[in-house]
Amino acid sequence: MFKTRFLRLAALGILAGCTAQPAKNHSTDTVNAGRTVAQCHAEQTTGSLIVHTVCTTKAEQDAQRGDVNDVRDATVRQAGGCNPGSPHCPQ
């Protein structure tokens, strides 16, 4: 009796794990108490079923883009190439 209940519970758990759907990435704009517009989206860590909401302001997004551009430019310079449009690339 115990074994059949355990097997049913285990099978149900396996089926429930297999039917979980990844979260859809919907972006939304929210306004916080300081009247700053923040863009929020859902992020799911690879290998996890837990979804976290991440909100960033326009200034934070611009800073992140700047950091990415700096790393990209440094990588291109280190490789000896030149990335057109970069401020470090002679025209």
Protein backbone atom coordinates (compact mmCIF):
# COMPACT_ATOMS: atom_id res chain seq x y z
CA MET A 1 0.00 0.00 0.00
CA PHE A 2 2.78 2.44 0.92
CA LYS A 3 4.78 1.56 -2.20
CA THR A 4 1.89 2.27 -4.57
CA ARG A 5 1.17 5.64 -2.92
CA PHE A 6 4.84 6.52 -3.09
CA LEU A 7 5.07 5.51 -6.75
CA ARG A 8 1.97 7.53 -7.62
CA LEU A 9 3.35 10.55 -5.80
CA ALA A 10 6.73 10.18 -7.52
CA ALA A 11 5.08 9.85 -10.95
CA LEU A 12 2.95 12.92 -10.26
CA GLY A 13 6.03 14.89 -9.24
CA ILE A 14 7.89 13.88 -12.39
CA LEU A 15 4.96 14.80 -14.61
CA ALA A 16 4.53 18.15 -12.87
CA GLY A 17 8.23 18.93 -13.40
CA CYS A 18 8.04 18.04 -17.08
CA THR A 19 5.03 20.25 -17.77
CA ALA A 20 6.45 23.46 -16.29
CA GLN A 21 6.58 26.19 -18.91
CA PRO A 22 9.32 28.83 -19.05
CA ALA A 23 8.22 32.34 -18.14
CA LYS A 24 7.35 34.70 -20.93
CA ASN A 25 9.45 37.82 -21.02
CA HIS A 26 6.97 40.70 -20.89
CA SER A 27 8.46 44.16 -20.46
CA THR A 28 6.45 46.77 -18.63
CA ASP A 29 7.07 50.37 -17.68
CA THR A 30 6.37 51.35 -14.08
CA VAL A 31 6.61 54.63 -12.23
CA ASN A 32 7.93 54.49 -8.67
CA ALA A 33 7.36 56.94 -5.81
CA GLY A 34 10.18 59.22 -7.03
CA ARG A 35 8.39 59.57 -10.40
CA THR A 36 11.23 57.76 -12.15
CA VAL A 37 10.19 55.52 -15.02
CA ALA A 38 11.62 52.02 -14.69
CA GLN A 39 11.34 49.22 -17.22
CA CYS A 40 10.64 45.84 -15.62
CA HIS A 41 11.00 42.40 -17.13
CA ALA A 42 11.08 38.80 -15.91
CA GLU A 43 14.41 36.97 -15.86
CA GLN A 44 14.78 33.24 -15.37
CA THR A 45 18.15 31.85 -14.36
CA THR A 46 19.28 28.98 -16.58
CA GLY A 47 18.44 25.66 -14.94
CA SER A 48 15.98 27.23 -12.50
CA LEU A 49 12.20 27.39 -12.52
CA ILE A 50 12.18 30.54 -10.37
CA VAL A 51 11.47 33.79 -12.20
CA HIS A 52 12.65 37.13 -10.81
CA THR A 53 11.35 40.55 -11.80
CA VAL A 54 14.15 42.99 -12.60
CA CYS A 55 13.47 46.72 -12.94
CA THR A 56 15.99 49.22 -14.33
CA THR A 57 15.77 52.93 -15.01
CA LYS A 58 16.77 54.57 -18.27
CA ALA A 59 20.01 55.83 -16.66
CA GLU A 60 20.91 52.30 -15.50
CA GLN A 61 20.19 50.88 -18.96
CA ASP A 62 22.37 53.57 -20.58
CA ALA A 63 25.20 52.82 -18.11
CA GLN A 64 24.96 49.09 -18.88
CA ARG A 65 25.07 49.78 -22.62
CA GLY A 66 28.12 52.00 -22.08
CA ASP A 67 29.86 49.25 -20.11
CA VAL A 68 29.10 46.70 -22.83
CA ASN A 69 30.43 49.08 -25.50
CA ASP A 70 33.62 49.70 -23.49
CA VAL A 71 34.26 45.96 -23.12
CA ARG A 72 33.52 45.37 -26.81
CA ASP A 73 35.89 48.17 -27.86
CA ALA A 74 38.65 46.91 -25.55
CA THR A 75 38.27 43.40 -26.94
CA VAL A 76 38.45 44.64 -30.53
CA ARG A 77 41.53 46.77 -29.75
CA GLN A 78 43.22 43.86 -28.00
CA ALA A 79 42.56 41.66 -31.04
CA GLY A 80 44.19 44.29 -33.25
CA GLY A 81 41.03 45.13 -35.16
CA CYS A 82 38.98 48.25 -35.37
CA ASN A 83 35.26 48.49 -34.73
CA PRO A 84 33.70 51.06 -37.09
CA GLY A 85 31.70 53.68 -35.24
CA SER A 86 33.76 53.32 -32.10
CA PRO A 87 35.21 56.52 -30.64
CA HIS A 88 38.59 54.73 -30.40
CA CYS A 89 38.66 53.80 -34.07
CA PRO A 90 40.27 56.26 -36.51
CA GLN A 91 38.00 57.03 -39.45
